[in-house]
Amino acid sequence: MDYKEAGVDVEAGREFVNQIRNLVQSTFRPEVIGGLGGFSGCFQLPYGYKEPVLVSGTDGVGTKLKIAQSLNRHNTIGIDLVAMCVNDVLTSGAEPLFFLDYLATGHLEKEQLTEVVAGIASGCKQAGCSLLGGETAEMPGFYQVGEYDLAGFCVGIVEKSQMIDGSQVQVGDVAIALASAGVHSNGFSLVRKIVSDKGFSWSDRPEILGGQTLGEIFLSPTYIYVKSVLAARKAGLEIHGMAHITGGGLPENLPRCLGKGQAIKIDPSGWSVPPIFQWLAEKGSVNSQAMYNTFNMGIGFVLLVTPNEVEQAMAHFALQNITANVIGEVVTGSGELLGLPI
């Protein structure tokens, strides 16, 4: 017997690496040292930092993968993977430098996984970071045919004096919400249960969603806020706090950017909840509390700025074609989120 008879095709693995080589190298920043195929990726720190701080993050995509695999559509799920990591790193004020992925499957389907890597490369370009390397693990018997799993790892950099850590936030600061591109990459176990239990199909086109299929809506990739937010800081916008709205929604994530003795009072009329969340609540009979604690409800990222910075912030994101809304302010409290309809 040999390894191939056991279900692992080493030669196919080599061919896959060659197939994705150009995709990976297209993301390389000038600081990348060497190429693809070594035991590790090497990256030289950018010049100009006095006290550089490295900021790291890791995440996955969750059961959104199940929808991509069910529909055999794999070209955007890699964007989600990158977004979940780089948006987290961004909240410290860091610029993402490089990204690595871990891709595991039962049988290496080269065309399928090349689409996945193409999405990862696209996400890295959107974030301005290098896809420095990764690991593809072929594990027969561990995953069903056509299944794969993903994990991502990101490292960013920020000048120590410019880090955002909650200490800058002041009572009276204004919360500005940047719109999400839909459900992003959280809450999909509930999404899938609603679609399955209520007899819907991913090809259904509910009228409330404007003619798009459920599959198209739910596979919309997570928006990457990195370049627009870093550009705002470079333009002089003083940002005191940032939150990436992921699992746990606004109630869990927004208070994480506060300092001691602070809370945030939310104005629910400050933004319009997109139709997809209305559809989920209605079809799944999901109450308001469960919706806000599971989904982003149309808000992907939140910035905290002083009142006199609001006009500049709104103008900046309008030029970036990102919908921004004032949704609340920082008040005295104990880390709670006030005013949500829950």
C-alpha atoms as a PDB file:
ATOM      1  CA  MET A   1       0.000   0.000   0.000  1.00  0.00           C
ATOM      2  CA  ASP A   2       1.012   3.630  -0.364  1.00  0.00           C
ATOM      3  CA  TYR A   3      -0.201   7.049   0.794  1.00  0.00           C
ATOM      4  CA  LYS A   4      -2.386   7.550  -2.284  1.00  0.00           C
ATOM      5  CA  GLU A   5      -4.245   4.299  -1.594  1.00  0.00           C
ATOM      6  CA  ALA A   6      -4.876   5.623   1.909  1.00  0.00           C
ATOM      7  CA  GLY A   7      -6.566   8.655   0.343  1.00  0.00           C
ATOM      8  CA  VAL A   8      -3.779  11.268   0.316  1.00  0.00           C
ATOM      9  CA  ASP A   9      -2.503  12.336  -3.112  1.00  0.00           C
ATOM     10  CA  VAL A  10       0.864  14.020  -2.516  1.00  0.00           C
ATOM     11  CA  GLU A  11       1.369  14.774  -6.201  1.00  0.00           C
ATOM     12  CA  ALA A  12      -2.018  16.486  -6.396  1.00  0.00           C
ATOM     13  CA  GLY A  13      -0.929  18.605  -3.448  1.00  0.00           C
ATOM     14  CA  ARG A  14       2.181  19.724  -5.313  1.00  0.00           C
ATOM     15  CA  GLU A  15       0.104  20.543  -8.393  1.00  0.00           C
ATOM     16  CA  PHE A  16      -2.301  22.543  -6.240  1.00  0.00           C
ATOM     17  CA  VAL A  17       0.536  24.662  -4.809  1.00  0.00           C
ATOM     18  CA  ASN A  18       1.757  25.388  -8.338  1.00  0.00           C
ATOM     19  CA  GLN A  19      -1.787  26.242  -9.402  1.00  0.00           C
ATOM     20  CA  ILE A  20      -2.206  28.875  -6.683  1.00  0.00           C
ATOM     21  CA  ARG A  21       1.332  30.272  -6.856  1.00  0.00           C
ATOM     22  CA  ASN A  22       0.430  33.311  -8.981  1.00  0.00           C
ATOM     23  CA  LEU A  23      -2.616  34.069  -6.833  1.00  0.00           C
ATOM     24  CA  VAL A  24      -0.488  34.118  -3.695  1.00  0.00           C
ATOM     25  CA  GLN A  25       2.368  36.124  -5.177  1.00  0.00           C
ATOM     26  CA  SER A  26      -0.056  38.739  -6.526  1.00  0.00           C
ATOM     27  CA  THR A  27      -0.683  39.803  -2.897  1.00  0.00           C
ATOM     28  CA  PHE A  28       2.976  40.257  -1.912  1.00  0.00           C
ATOM     29  CA  ARG A  29       4.002  43.536  -0.342  1.00  0.00           C
ATOM     30  CA  PRO A  30       7.612  44.771  -0.791  1.00  0.00           C
ATOM     31  CA  GLU A  31       8.463  43.502   2.696  1.00  0.00           C
ATOM     32  CA  VAL A  32       7.966  39.831   1.753  1.00  0.00           C
ATOM     33  CA  ILE A  33      11.239  37.916   1.658  1.00  0.00           C
ATOM     34  CA  GLY A  34      11.422  34.785  -0.485  1.00  0.00           C
ATOM     35  CA  GLY A  35       8.613  33.048  -2.292  1.00  0.00           C
ATOM     36  CA  LEU A  36       6.035  30.312  -1.903  1.00  0.00           C
ATOM     37  CA  GLY A  37       7.088  26.792  -1.003  1.00  0.00           C
ATOM     38  CA  GLY A  38       9.384  27.159   1.994  1.00  0.00           C
ATOM     39  CA  PHE A  39       8.781  25.849   5.486  1.00  0.00           C
ATOM     40  CA  SER A  40       7.837  29.343   6.644  1.00  0.00           C
ATOM     41  CA  GLY A  41       7.015  32.784   5.324  1.00  0.00           C
ATOM     42  CA  CYS A  42       9.378  35.674   5.973  1.00  0.00           C
ATOM     43  CA  PHE A  43       8.399  39.321   6.290  1.00  0.00           C
ATOM     44  CA  GLN A  44      10.615  42.310   7.070  1.00  0.00           C
ATOM     45  CA  LEU A  45       9.046  44.957   9.306  1.00  0.00           C
ATOM     46  CA  PRO A  46       8.321  48.212   7.452  1.00  0.00           C
ATOM     47  CA  TYR A  47      10.677  51.108   8.092  1.00  0.00           C
ATOM     48  CA  GLY A  48       9.691  54.264   9.931  1.00  0.00           C
ATOM     49  CA  TYR A  49       8.325  52.877  13.201  1.00  0.00           C
ATOM     50  CA  LYS A  50       9.861  54.060  16.478  1.00  0.00           C
ATOM     51  CA  GLU A  51       8.057  51.623  18.775  1.00  0.00           C
ATOM     52  CA  PRO A  52       6.313  49.087  16.510  1.00  0.00           C
ATOM     53  CA  VAL A  53       3.696  46.850  18.103  1.00  0.00           C
ATOM     54  CA  LEU A  54       2.618  43.665  16.324  1.00  0.00           C
ATOM     55  CA  VAL A  55      -1.102  42.913  16.564  1.00  0.00           C
ATOM     56  CA  SER A  56      -2.383  39.422  15.738  1.00  0.00           C
ATOM     57  CA  GLY A  57      -5.767  37.841  15.139  1.00  0.00           C
ATOM     58  CA  THR A  58      -7.262  34.526  14.094  1.00  0.00           C
ATOM     59  CA  ASP A  59     -10.736  33.393  13.078  1.00  0.00           C
ATOM     60  CA  GLY A  60     -12.766  31.172  10.785  1.00  0.00           C
ATOM     61  CA  VAL A  61     -15.942  31.456   8.722  1.00  0.00           C
ATOM     62  CA  GLY A  62     -18.267  29.189  10.691  1.00  0.00           C
ATOM     63  CA  THR A  63     -21.107  27.274   9.084  1.00  0.00           C
ATOM     64  CA  LYS A  64     -21.394  29.767   6.247  1.00  0.00           C
ATOM     65  CA  LEU A  65     -19.072  27.214   4.652  1.00  0.00           C
ATOM     66  CA  LYS A  66     -22.009  24.796   4.510  1.00  0.00           C
ATOM     67  CA  ILE A  67     -23.902  27.138   2.175  1.00  0.00           C
ATOM     68  CA  ALA A  68     -20.890  27.673  -0.091  1.00  0.00           C
ATOM     69  CA  GLN A  69     -20.383  23.928  -0.339  1.00  0.00           C
ATOM     70  CA  SER A  70     -24.073  23.223  -0.883  1.00  0.00           C
ATOM     71  CA  LEU A  71     -24.203  25.724  -3.761  1.00  0.00           C
ATOM     72  CA  ASN A  72     -20.727  24.781  -5.069  1.00  0.00           C
ATOM     73  CA  ARG A  73     -19.772  28.458  -4.960  1.00  0.00           C
ATOM     74  CA  HIS A  74     -16.358  28.970  -3.408  1.00  0.00           C
ATOM     75  CA  ASN A  75     -14.982  32.228  -4.820  1.00  0.00           C
ATOM     76  CA  THR A  76     -16.067  34.576  -2.005  1.00  0.00           C
ATOM     77  CA  ILE A  77     -15.742  32.520   1.169  1.00  0.00           C
ATOM     78  CA  GLY A  78     -12.010  33.332   1.289  1.00  0.00           C
ATOM     79  CA  ILE A  79     -12.859  37.046   1.440  1.00  0.00           C
ATOM     80  CA  ASP A  80     -14.921  36.301   4.553  1.00  0.00           C
ATOM     81  CA  LEU A  81     -11.961  34.504   6.098  1.00  0.00           C
ATOM     82  CA  VAL A  82      -9.614  37.442   5.587  1.00  0.00           C
ATOM     83  CA  ALA A  83     -12.225  39.991   6.671  1.00  0.00           C
ATOM     84  CA  MET A  84     -12.916  38.283   9.989  1.00  0.00           C
ATOM     85  CA  CYS A  85      -9.232  38.571  10.911  1.00  0.00           C
ATOM     86  CA  VAL A  86      -8.154  41.928   9.440  1.00  0.00           C
ATOM     87  CA  ASN A  87     -11.217  43.805  10.732  1.00  0.00           C
ATOM     88  CA  ASP A  88     -10.398  42.527  14.231  1.00  0.00           C
ATOM     89  CA  VAL A  89      -6.769  43.647  13.969  1.00  0.00           C
ATOM     90  CA  LEU A  90      -7.929  47.037  12.677  1.00  0.00           C
ATOM     91  CA  THR A  91      -9.761  47.806  15.934  1.00  0.00           C
ATOM     92  CA  SER A  92      -6.372  48.363  17.612  1.00  0.00           C
ATOM     93  CA  GLY A  93      -5.451  50.850  14.900  1.00  0.00           C
ATOM     94  CA  ALA A  94      -3.130  48.354  13.228  1.00  0.00           C
ATOM     95  CA  GLU A  95      -2.387  47.988   9.533  1.00  0.00           C
ATOM     96  CA  PRO A  96      -2.550  44.303   8.480  1.00  0.00           C
ATOM     97  CA  LEU A  97       0.821  43.142   7.155  1.00  0.00           C
ATOM     98  CA  PHE A  98       0.416  39.490   6.302  1.00  0.00           C
ATOM     99  CA  PHE A  99      -2.094  36.662   6.421  1.00  0.00           C
ATOM    100  CA  LEU A 100      -1.830  32.871   6.582  1.00  0.00           C
ATOM    101  CA  ASP A 101      -4.550  30.304   6.034  1.00  0.00           C
ATOM    102  CA  TYR A 102      -5.197  26.734   7.104  1.00  0.00           C
ATOM    103  CA  LEU A 103      -7.350  24.716   4.698  1.00  0.00           C
ATOM    104  CA  ALA A 104      -8.426  21.174   5.595  1.00  0.00           C
ATOM    105  CA  THR A 105     -10.356  18.758   3.386  1.00  0.00           C
ATOM    106  CA  GLY A 106     -11.102  15.073   3.024  1.00  0.00           C
ATOM    107  CA  HIS A 107     -10.026  14.969  -0.626  1.00  0.00           C
ATOM    108  CA  LEU A 108      -8.099  17.672  -2.441  1.00  0.00           C
ATOM    109  CA  GLU A 109     -10.315  19.009  -5.232  1.00  0.00           C
ATOM    110  CA  LYS A 110      -7.915  21.367  -6.995  1.00  0.00           C
ATOM    111  CA  GLU A 111     -10.454  23.485  -8.879  1.00  0.00           C
ATOM    112  CA  GLN A 112     -12.674  23.911  -5.823  1.00  0.00           C
ATOM    113  CA  LEU A 113      -9.850  24.898  -3.502  1.00  0.00           C
ATOM    114  CA  THR A 114      -8.227  27.166  -6.089  1.00  0.00           C
ATOM    115  CA  GLU A 115     -11.463  29.183  -6.004  1.00  0.00           C
ATOM    116  CA  VAL A 116     -11.177  29.366  -2.226  1.00  0.00           C
ATOM    117  CA  VAL A 117      -7.590  30.622  -2.403  1.00  0.00           C
ATOM    118  CA  ALA A 118      -8.582  33.111  -5.108  1.00  0.00           C
ATOM    119  CA  GLY A 119     -11.069  34.560  -2.609  1.00  0.00           C
ATOM    120  CA  ILE A 120      -8.405  34.689   0.106  1.00  0.00           C
ATOM    121  CA  ALA A 121      -6.047  36.495  -2.285  1.00  0.00           C
ATOM    122  CA  SER A 122      -8.818  38.954  -3.183  1.00  0.00           C
ATOM    123  CA  GLY A 123      -9.458  39.643   0.498  1.00  0.00           C
ATOM    124  CA  CYS A 124      -5.763  40.219   1.136  1.00  0.00           C
ATOM    125  CA  LYS A 125      -5.605  42.742  -1.704  1.00  0.00           C
ATOM    126  CA  GLN A 126      -8.655  44.542  -0.315  1.00  0.00           C
ATOM    127  CA  ALA A 127      -6.910  44.726   3.072  1.00  0.00           C
ATOM    128  CA  GLY A 128      -3.503  45.617   1.647  1.00  0.00           C
ATOM    129  CA  CYS A 129      -1.759  42.642   3.248  1.00  0.00           C
ATOM    130  CA  SER A 130       0.309  39.768   1.865  1.00  0.00           C
ATOM    131  CA  LEU A 131      -0.872  36.176   1.714  1.00  0.00           C
ATOM    132  CA  LEU A 132       2.412  34.984   3.176  1.00  0.00           C
ATOM    133  CA  GLY A 133       1.712  31.267   3.243  1.00  0.00           C
ATOM    134  CA  GLY A 134      -0.605  28.573   4.462  1.00  0.00           C
ATOM    135  CA  GLU A 135      -1.280  24.895   4.979  1.00  0.00           C
ATOM    136  CA  THR A 136      -3.489  22.559   2.986  1.00  0.00           C
ATOM    137  CA  ALA A 137      -4.276  19.363   4.895  1.00  0.00           C
ATOM    138  CA  GLU A 138      -5.807  16.366   3.129  1.00  0.00           C
ATOM    139  CA  MET A 139      -7.463  14.152   5.762  1.00  0.00           C
ATOM    140  CA  PRO A 140      -9.447  11.224   4.314  1.00  0.00           C
ATOM    141  CA  GLY A 141     -12.368  10.083   6.438  1.00  0.00           C
ATOM    142  CA  PHE A 142     -12.414  13.261   8.517  1.00  0.00           C
ATOM    143  CA  TYR A 143     -14.574  15.316   6.140  1.00  0.00           C
ATOM    144  CA  GLN A 144     -17.363  14.287   3.785  1.00  0.00           C
ATOM    145  CA  VAL A 145     -16.861  14.465   0.007  1.00  0.00           C
ATOM    146  CA  GLY A 146     -16.776  18.111  -1.104  1.00  0.00           C
ATOM    147  CA  GLU A 147     -16.356  19.459   2.434  1.00  0.00           C
ATOM    148  CA  TYR A 148     -13.499  21.634   3.647  1.00  0.00           C
ATOM    149  CA  ASP A 149     -12.771  23.867   6.618  1.00  0.00           C
ATOM    150  CA  LEU A 150     -10.890  27.146   6.878  1.00  0.00           C
ATOM    151  CA  ALA A 151      -8.997  29.110   9.492  1.00  0.00           C
ATOM    152  CA  GLY A 152      -7.088  32.351   9.073  1.00  0.00           C
ATOM    153  CA  PHE A 153      -4.292  34.138  10.903  1.00  0.00           C
ATOM    154  CA  CYS A 154      -3.310  37.796  10.523  1.00  0.00           C
ATOM    155  CA  VAL A 155      -0.491  39.995  11.845  1.00  0.00           C
ATOM    156  CA  GLY A 156      -0.627  43.788  11.735  1.00  0.00           C
ATOM    157  CA  ILE A 157       1.505  46.668  12.982  1.00  0.00           C
ATOM    158  CA  VAL A 158       0.866  49.953  14.753  1.00  0.00           C
ATOM    159  CA  GLU A 159       3.012  52.618  16.370  1.00  0.00           C
ATOM    160  CA  LYS A 160       2.695  52.149  20.131  1.00  0.00           C
ATOM    161  CA  SER A 161       1.717  55.782  20.661  1.00  0.00           C
ATOM    162  CA  GLN A 162      -1.109  55.396  18.120  1.00  0.00           C
ATOM    163  CA  MET A 163      -2.659  52.214  19.484  1.00  0.00           C
ATOM    164  CA  ILE A 164      -6.378  52.274  20.256  1.00  0.00           C
ATOM    165  CA  ASP A 165      -7.100  50.431  23.493  1.00  0.00           C
ATOM    166  CA  GLY A 166     -10.151  52.035  25.121  1.00  0.00           C
ATOM    167  CA  SER A 167      -8.179  54.543  27.173  1.00  0.00           C
ATOM    168  CA  GLN A 168      -8.858  57.289  24.628  1.00  0.00           C
ATOM    169  CA  VAL A 169     -12.665  56.983  24.801  1.00  0.00           C
ATOM    170  CA  GLN A 170     -14.458  59.838  26.560  1.00  0.00           C
ATOM    171  CA  VAL A 171     -18.014  60.340  27.777  1.00  0.00           C
ATOM    172  CA  GLY A 172     -19.750  62.306  25.030  1.00  0.00           C
ATOM    173  CA  ASP A 173     -17.961  60.562  22.161  1.00  0.00           C
ATOM    174  CA  VAL A 174     -20.255  59.776  19.240  1.00  0.00           C
ATOM    175  CA  ALA A 175     -20.760  56.256  17.812  1.00  0.00           C
ATOM    176  CA  ILE A 176     -20.646  56.133  14.008  1.00  0.00           C
ATOM    177  CA  ALA A 177     -21.790  52.874  12.423  1.00  0.00           C
ATOM    178  CA  LEU A 178     -20.414  51.645   9.102  1.00  0.00           C
ATOM    179  CA  ALA A 179     -22.914  49.527   7.210  1.00  0.00           C
ATOM    180  CA  SER A 180     -22.433  45.783   6.824  1.00  0.00           C
ATOM    181  CA  ALA A 181     -22.722  43.939   3.524  1.00  0.00           C
ATOM    182  CA  GLY A 182     -25.427  41.693   4.969  1.00  0.00           C
ATOM    183  CA  VAL A 183     -25.137  38.899   7.491  1.00  0.00           C
ATOM    184  CA  HIS A 184     -21.332  38.750   7.070  1.00  0.00           C
ATOM    185  CA  SER A 185     -20.003  35.559   8.766  1.00  0.00           C
ATOM    186  CA  ASN A 186     -21.934  35.105  12.006  1.00  0.00           C
ATOM    187  CA  GLY A 187     -25.227  33.507  12.962  1.00  0.00           C
ATOM    188  CA  PHE A 188     -25.283  30.957  10.168  1.00  0.00           C
ATOM    189  CA  SER A 189     -26.295  28.039  12.346  1.00  0.00           C
ATOM    190  CA  LEU A 190     -29.535  29.929  12.983  1.00  0.00           C
ATOM    191  CA  VAL A 191     -29.807  30.984   9.330  1.00  0.00           C
ATOM    192  CA  ARG A 192     -29.471  27.394   8.162  1.00  0.00           C
ATOM    193  CA  LYS A 193     -31.983  26.157  10.719  1.00  0.00           C
ATOM    194  CA  ILE A 194     -34.575  28.716   9.614  1.00  0.00           C
ATOM    195  CA  VAL A 195     -34.092  27.892   5.923  1.00  0.00           C
ATOM    196  CA  SER A 196     -34.182  24.139   6.581  1.00  0.00           C
ATOM    197  CA  ASP A 197     -36.983  23.961   9.151  1.00  0.00           C
ATOM    198  CA  LYS A 198     -39.273  26.319   7.249  1.00  0.00           C
ATOM    199  CA  GLY A 199     -38.831  24.499   3.944  1.00  0.00           C
ATOM    200  CA  PHE A 200     -36.976  27.201   2.015  1.00  0.00           C
ATOM    201  CA  SER A 201     -34.355  26.654  -0.677  1.00  0.00           C
ATOM    202  CA  TRP A 202     -31.171  28.640  -1.343  1.00  0.00           C
ATOM    203  CA  SER A 203     -32.580  29.324  -4.812  1.00  0.00           C
ATOM    204  CA  ASP A 204     -35.749  30.985  -3.462  1.00  0.00           C
ATOM    205  CA  ARG A 205     -36.222  34.665  -4.308  1.00  0.00           C
ATOM    206  CA  PRO A 206     -38.283  36.342  -1.559  1.00  0.00           C
ATOM    207  CA  GLU A 207     -39.882  39.545  -2.803  1.00  0.00           C
ATOM    208  CA  ILE A 208     -38.597  41.493   0.215  1.00  0.00           C
ATOM    209  CA  LEU A 209     -35.011  40.807  -0.915  1.00  0.00           C
ATOM    210  CA  GLY A 210     -35.425  42.488  -4.290  1.00  0.00           C
ATOM    211  CA  GLY A 211     -35.204  39.425  -6.507  1.00  0.00           C
ATOM    212  CA  GLN A 212     -31.919  38.008  -5.249  1.00  0.00           C
ATOM    213  CA  THR A 213     -31.805  34.366  -4.214  1.00  0.00           C
ATOM    214  CA  LEU A 214     -31.298  33.433  -0.580  1.00  0.00           C
ATOM    215  CA  GLY A 215     -28.003  31.858  -1.570  1.00  0.00           C
ATOM    216  CA  GLU A 216     -26.758  35.074  -3.179  1.00  0.00           C
ATOM    217  CA  ILE A 217     -27.801  37.150  -0.178  1.00  0.00           C
ATOM    218  CA  PHE A 218     -26.248  34.891   2.428  1.00  0.00           C
ATOM    219  CA  LEU A 219     -22.993  34.362   0.527  1.00  0.00           C
ATOM    220  CA  SER A 220     -22.364  38.111   0.194  1.00  0.00           C
ATOM    221  CA  PRO A 221     -18.833  38.424   1.596  1.00  0.00           C
ATOM    222  CA  THR A 222     -17.957  40.265   4.778  1.00  0.00           C
ATOM    223  CA  TYR A 223     -16.940  43.850   4.077  1.00  0.00           C
ATOM    224  CA  ILE A 224     -13.294  44.747   4.705  1.00  0.00           C
ATOM    225  CA  TYR A 225     -13.043  48.170   6.366  1.00  0.00           C
ATOM    226  CA  VAL A 226      -9.252  48.371   6.610  1.00  0.00           C
ATOM    227  CA  LYS A 227      -8.253  50.777   3.853  1.00  0.00           C
ATOM    228  CA  SER A 228     -11.110  53.233   4.414  1.00  0.00           C
ATOM    229  CA  VAL A 229     -10.560  53.428   8.194  1.00  0.00           C
ATOM    230  CA  LEU A 230      -6.764  53.692   7.943  1.00  0.00           C
ATOM    231  CA  ALA A 231      -7.205  56.421   5.329  1.00  0.00           C
ATOM    232  CA  ALA A 232      -9.473  58.288   7.748  1.00  0.00           C
ATOM    233  CA  ARG A 233      -6.807  58.180  10.464  1.00  0.00           C
ATOM    234  CA  LYS A 234      -4.142  59.264   7.983  1.00  0.00           C
ATOM    235  CA  ALA A 235      -6.348  62.204   6.987  1.00  0.00           C
ATOM    236  CA  GLY A 236      -6.366  63.340  10.615  1.00  0.00           C
ATOM    237  CA  LEU A 237      -9.615  61.880  11.940  1.00  0.00           C
ATOM    238  CA  GLU A 238      -9.151  61.270  15.661  1.00  0.00           C
ATOM    239  CA  ILE A 239     -10.722  57.897  16.396  1.00  0.00           C
ATOM    240  CA  HIS A 240     -11.009  57.013  20.090  1.00  0.00           C
ATOM    241  CA  GLY A 241     -12.437  53.500  19.766  1.00  0.00           C
ATOM    242  CA  MET A 242     -13.404  50.861  17.211  1.00  0.00           C
ATOM    243  CA  ALA A 243     -15.470  47.691  17.295  1.00  0.00           C
ATOM    244  CA  HIS A 244     -15.905  44.924  14.723  1.00  0.00           C
ATOM    245  CA  ILE A 245     -19.497  43.683  14.981  1.00  0.00           C
ATOM    246  CA  THR A 246     -19.275  39.894  14.751  1.00  0.00           C
ATOM    247  CA  GLY A 247     -20.661  37.027  16.846  1.00  0.00           C
ATOM    248  CA  GLY A 248     -22.833  38.371  19.654  1.00  0.00           C
ATOM    249  CA  GLY A 249     -23.833  41.430  17.624  1.00  0.00           C
ATOM    250  CA  LEU A 250     -23.830  44.961  18.994  1.00  0.00           C
ATOM    251  CA  PRO A 251     -24.504  43.967  22.642  1.00  0.00           C
ATOM    252  CA  GLU A 252     -21.369  41.832  22.913  1.00  0.00           C
ATOM    253  CA  ASN A 253     -18.935  43.678  20.670  1.00  0.00           C
ATOM    254  CA  LEU A 254     -19.577  47.393  21.013  1.00  0.00           C
ATOM    255  CA  PRO A 255     -18.870  47.610  24.789  1.00  0.00           C
ATOM    256  CA  ARG A 256     -15.484  45.954  24.213  1.00  0.00           C
ATOM    257  CA  CYS A 257     -13.998  49.236  22.947  1.00  0.00           C
ATOM    258  CA  LEU A 258     -14.986  51.257  26.035  1.00  0.00           C
ATOM    259  CA  GLY A 259     -12.946  52.378  29.017  1.00  0.00           C
ATOM    260  CA  LYS A 260     -13.875  51.899  32.671  1.00  0.00           C
ATOM    261  CA  GLY A 261     -17.026  53.603  33.919  1.00  0.00           C
ATOM    262  CA  GLN A 262     -18.492  53.966  30.444  1.00  0.00           C
ATOM    263  CA  ALA A 263     -21.493  52.693  28.510  1.00  0.00           C
ATOM    264  CA  ILE A 264     -23.045  53.435  25.130  1.00  0.00           C
ATOM    265  CA  LYS A 265     -26.560  54.732  24.617  1.00  0.00           C
ATOM    266  CA  ILE A 266     -27.887  53.614  21.229  1.00  0.00           C
ATOM    267  CA  ASP A 267     -30.523  55.361  19.130  1.00  0.00           C
ATOM    268  CA  PRO A 268     -32.265  52.531  17.191  1.00  0.00           C
ATOM    269  CA  SER A 269     -33.701  55.083  14.734  1.00  0.00           C
ATOM    270  CA  GLY A 270     -30.172  56.017  13.680  1.00  0.00           C
ATOM    271  CA  TRP A 271     -30.022  53.346  10.965  1.00  0.00           C
ATOM    272  CA  SER A 272     -32.321  51.173   8.882  1.00  0.00           C
ATOM    273  CA  VAL A 273     -32.155  47.437   9.485  1.00  0.00           C
ATOM    274  CA  PRO A 274     -31.708  45.710   6.078  1.00  0.00           C
ATOM    275  CA  PRO A 275     -34.545  43.515   4.759  1.00  0.00           C
ATOM    276  CA  ILE A 276     -32.628  40.249   5.179  1.00  0.00           C
ATOM    277  CA  PHE A 277     -32.772  40.608   8.963  1.00  0.00           C
ATOM    278  CA  GLN A 278     -36.476  41.399   8.837  1.00  0.00           C
ATOM    279  CA  TRP A 279     -36.959  38.235   6.748  1.00  0.00           C
ATOM    280  CA  LEU A 280     -35.015  36.093   9.244  1.00  0.00           C
ATOM    281  CA  ALA A 281     -36.950  37.475  12.210  1.00  0.00           C
ATOM    282  CA  GLU A 282     -40.321  36.903  10.547  1.00  0.00           C
ATOM    283  CA  LYS A 283     -39.732  33.473   9.000  1.00  0.00           C
ATOM    284  CA  GLY A 284     -37.890  32.113  12.019  1.00  0.00           C
ATOM    285  CA  SER A 285     -40.125  33.757  14.622  1.00  0.00           C
ATOM    286  CA  VAL A 286     -36.942  35.153  16.170  1.00  0.00           C
ATOM    287  CA  ASN A 287     -37.521  37.766  18.858  1.00  0.00           C
ATOM    288  CA  SER A 288     -35.722  41.098  18.917  1.00  0.00           C
ATOM    289  CA  GLN A 289     -33.343  40.125  21.707  1.00  0.00           C
ATOM    290  CA  ALA A 290     -32.182  36.990  19.879  1.00  0.00           C
ATOM    291  CA  MET A 291     -31.766  38.931  16.617  1.00  0.00           C
ATOM    292  CA  TYR A 292     -29.541  41.618  18.165  1.00  0.00           C
ATOM    293  CA  ASN A 293     -27.525  39.044  20.103  1.00  0.00           C
ATOM    294  CA  THR A 294     -26.913  36.902  17.021  1.00  0.00           C
ATOM    295  CA  PHE A 295     -26.636  39.179  13.972  1.00  0.00           C
ATOM    296  CA  ASN A 296     -24.957  42.473  13.113  1.00  0.00           C
ATOM    297  CA  MET A 297     -28.357  43.945  12.092  1.00  0.00           C
ATOM    298  CA  GLY A 298     -26.791  45.963   9.287  1.00  0.00           C
ATOM    299  CA  ILE A 299     -23.792  47.346  11.194  1.00  0.00           C
ATOM    300  CA  GLY A 300     -20.383  45.850  10.455  1.00  0.00           C
ATOM    301  CA  PHE A 301     -18.034  48.259  12.205  1.00  0.00           C
ATOM    302  CA  VAL A 302     -18.365  51.125  14.711  1.00  0.00           C
ATOM    303  CA  LEU A 303     -16.102  54.113  15.352  1.00  0.00           C
ATOM    304  CA  LEU A 304     -16.110  56.371  18.407  1.00  0.00           C
ATOM    305  CA  VAL A 305     -15.146  59.988  17.703  1.00  0.00           C
ATOM    306  CA  THR A 306     -15.535  63.359  19.417  1.00  0.00           C
ATOM    307  CA  PRO A 307     -18.643  65.389  18.487  1.00  0.00           C
ATOM    308  CA  ASN A 308     -16.570  67.901  16.507  1.00  0.00           C
ATOM    309  CA  GLU A 309     -15.131  65.069  14.372  1.00  0.00           C
ATOM    310  CA  VAL A 310     -18.499  63.688  13.248  1.00  0.00           C
ATOM    311  CA  GLU A 311     -18.884  65.872  10.170  1.00  0.00           C
ATOM    312  CA  GLN A 312     -15.389  65.003   8.915  1.00  0.00           C
ATOM    313  CA  ALA A 313     -15.993  61.294   9.503  1.00  0.00           C
ATOM    314  CA  MET A 314     -19.319  61.263   7.671  1.00  0.00           C
ATOM    315  CA  ALA A 315     -17.837  63.139   4.708  1.00  0.00           C
ATOM    316  CA  HIS A 316     -14.859  60.771   4.530  1.00  0.00           C
ATOM    317  CA  PHE A 317     -16.916  57.578   4.433  1.00  0.00           C
ATOM    318  CA  ALA A 318     -19.352  59.086   1.938  1.00  0.00           C
ATOM    319  CA  LEU A 319     -16.381  59.545  -0.415  1.00  0.00           C
ATOM    320  CA  GLN A 320     -15.476  55.894   0.237  1.00  0.00           C
ATOM    321  CA  ASN A 321     -19.026  54.830  -0.761  1.00  0.00           C
ATOM    322  CA  ILE A 322     -19.601  53.401   2.708  1.00  0.00           C
ATOM    323  CA  THR A 323     -22.920  54.117   4.382  1.00  0.00           C
ATOM    324  CA  ALA A 324     -22.264  55.711   7.782  1.00  0.00           C
ATOM    325  CA  ASN A 325     -24.799  56.655  10.445  1.00  0.00           C
ATOM    326  CA  VAL A 326     -24.650  58.282  13.861  1.00  0.00           C
ATOM    327  CA  ILE A 327     -26.194  55.671  16.181  1.00  0.00           C
ATOM    328  CA  GLY A 328     -25.439  56.807  19.730  1.00  0.00           C
ATOM    329  CA  GLU A 329     -23.027  58.275  22.250  1.00  0.00           C
ATOM    330  CA  VAL A 330     -20.790  57.256  25.116  1.00  0.00           C
ATOM    331  CA  VAL A 331     -22.323  57.851  28.558  1.00  0.00           C
ATOM    332  CA  THR A 332     -21.394  57.079  32.142  1.00  0.00           C
ATOM    333  CA  GLY A 333     -22.066  53.437  32.995  1.00  0.00           C
ATOM    334  CA  SER A 334     -20.664  49.990  33.625  1.00  0.00           C
ATOM    335  CA  GLY A 335     -19.926  48.659  30.144  1.00  0.00           C
ATOM    336  CA  GLU A 336     -23.546  48.141  29.132  1.00  0.00           C
ATOM    337  CA  LEU A 337     -25.340  48.926  25.874  1.00  0.00           C
ATOM    338  CA  LEU A 338     -28.455  51.012  26.422  1.00  0.00           C
ATOM    339  CA  GLY A 339     -31.424  51.741  24.202  1.00  0.00           C
ATOM    340  CA  LEU A 340     -31.600  48.677  21.938  1.00  0.00           C
ATOM    341  CA  PRO A 341     -35.123  47.237  21.448  1.00  0.00           C
ATOM    342  CA  ILE A 342     -34.344  44.043  23.375  1.00  0.00           C
END
